[in-house]
Amino acid sequence: MPQYARIFGRATALALILTLPPLLGLFYLWSERLHGPLEIVIWLVSSLLWNTLILALFVKGKLFPE
């Protein structure tokens, strides 16, 4: 059972790491009333790069070392 708790904890942490920065960026754009196409494209590209970096670190085993 402890193994499932460890896996669930890592999955939860990974989900938070992947979702919080893009959501915070989206809320920032919304609060500053930046709704132009350039701002949205910059937000999309930066979110995709962030998620790619985090997933690459996770796959290589450097995000959650044993």
Protein backbone atom coordinates (compact mmCIF):
# COMPACT_ATOMS: atom_id res chain seq x y z
CA MET A 1 0.00 0.00 0.00
CA PRO A 2 2.80 2.55 0.65
CA GLN A 3 3.88 2.14 -2.98
CA TYR A 4 0.46 3.34 -4.17
CA ALA A 5 0.65 6.34 -1.86
CA ARG A 6 4.07 7.27 -3.26
CA ILE A 7 2.84 6.93 -6.86
CA PHE A 8 -0.30 8.95 -6.08
CA GLY A 9 1.80 11.63 -4.39
CA ARG A 10 4.13 11.91 -7.37
CA ALA A 11 1.23 11.99 -9.82
CA THR A 12 -0.44 14.74 -7.81
CA ALA A 13 2.77 16.77 -7.64
CA LEU A 14 3.34 16.34 -11.37
CA ALA A 15 -0.22 17.44 -12.13
CA LEU A 16 0.21 20.57 -10.01
CA ILE A 17 3.59 21.38 -11.57
CA LEU A 18 2.11 21.04 -15.06
CA THR A 19 -1.07 23.05 -14.46
CA LEU A 20 -0.33 25.82 -11.97
CA PRO A 21 2.14 28.00 -13.95
CA PRO A 22 0.02 28.08 -17.14
CA LEU A 23 -3.12 28.81 -15.11
CA LEU A 24 -1.40 31.59 -13.19
CA GLY A 25 -0.20 33.07 -16.49
CA LEU A 26 -3.72 32.89 -17.87
CA PHE A 27 -5.13 34.62 -14.78
CA TYR A 28 -2.45 37.30 -15.10
CA LEU A 29 -3.42 37.95 -18.73
CA TRP A 30 -7.07 38.10 -17.72
CA SER A 31 -6.44 40.48 -14.81
CA GLU A 32 -4.36 42.84 -16.96
CA ARG A 33 -7.01 42.73 -19.73
CA LEU A 34 -4.48 41.45 -22.26
CA HIS A 35 -6.70 39.61 -24.71
CA GLY A 36 -4.86 40.30 -27.96
CA PRO A 37 -3.73 37.50 -30.26
CA LEU A 38 -0.05 38.16 -29.55
CA GLU A 39 -0.46 37.75 -25.81
CA ILE A 40 -2.49 34.57 -26.24
CA VAL A 41 0.09 33.07 -28.63
CA ILE A 42 2.91 33.95 -26.24
CA TRP A 43 0.98 32.34 -23.39
CA LEU A 44 0.30 29.19 -25.45
CA VAL A 45 3.93 28.82 -26.55
CA SER A 46 5.30 29.39 -23.06
CA SER A 47 2.81 26.90 -21.58
CA LEU A 48 3.76 24.26 -24.13
CA LEU A 49 7.47 24.84 -23.53
CA TRP A 50 6.97 24.63 -19.75
CA ASN A 51 5.03 21.36 -20.01
CA THR A 52 7.58 19.90 -22.45
CA LEU A 53 10.44 20.76 -20.11
CA ILE A 54 8.71 19.27 -17.06
CA LEU A 55 7.73 16.09 -18.91
CA ALA A 56 11.27 15.68 -20.28
CA LEU A 57 12.71 16.01 -16.78
CA PHE A 58 10.13 13.54 -15.48
CA VAL A 59 10.88 10.96 -18.18
CA LYS A 60 14.63 11.28 -17.59
CA GLY A 61 14.07 10.75 -13.87
CA LYS A 62 15.50 14.09 -12.79
CA LEU A 63 12.26 15.59 -11.48
CA PHE A 64 11.59 13.01 -8.75
CA PRO A 65 14.87 11.20 -8.04
CA GLU A 66 14.59 7.92 -6.16
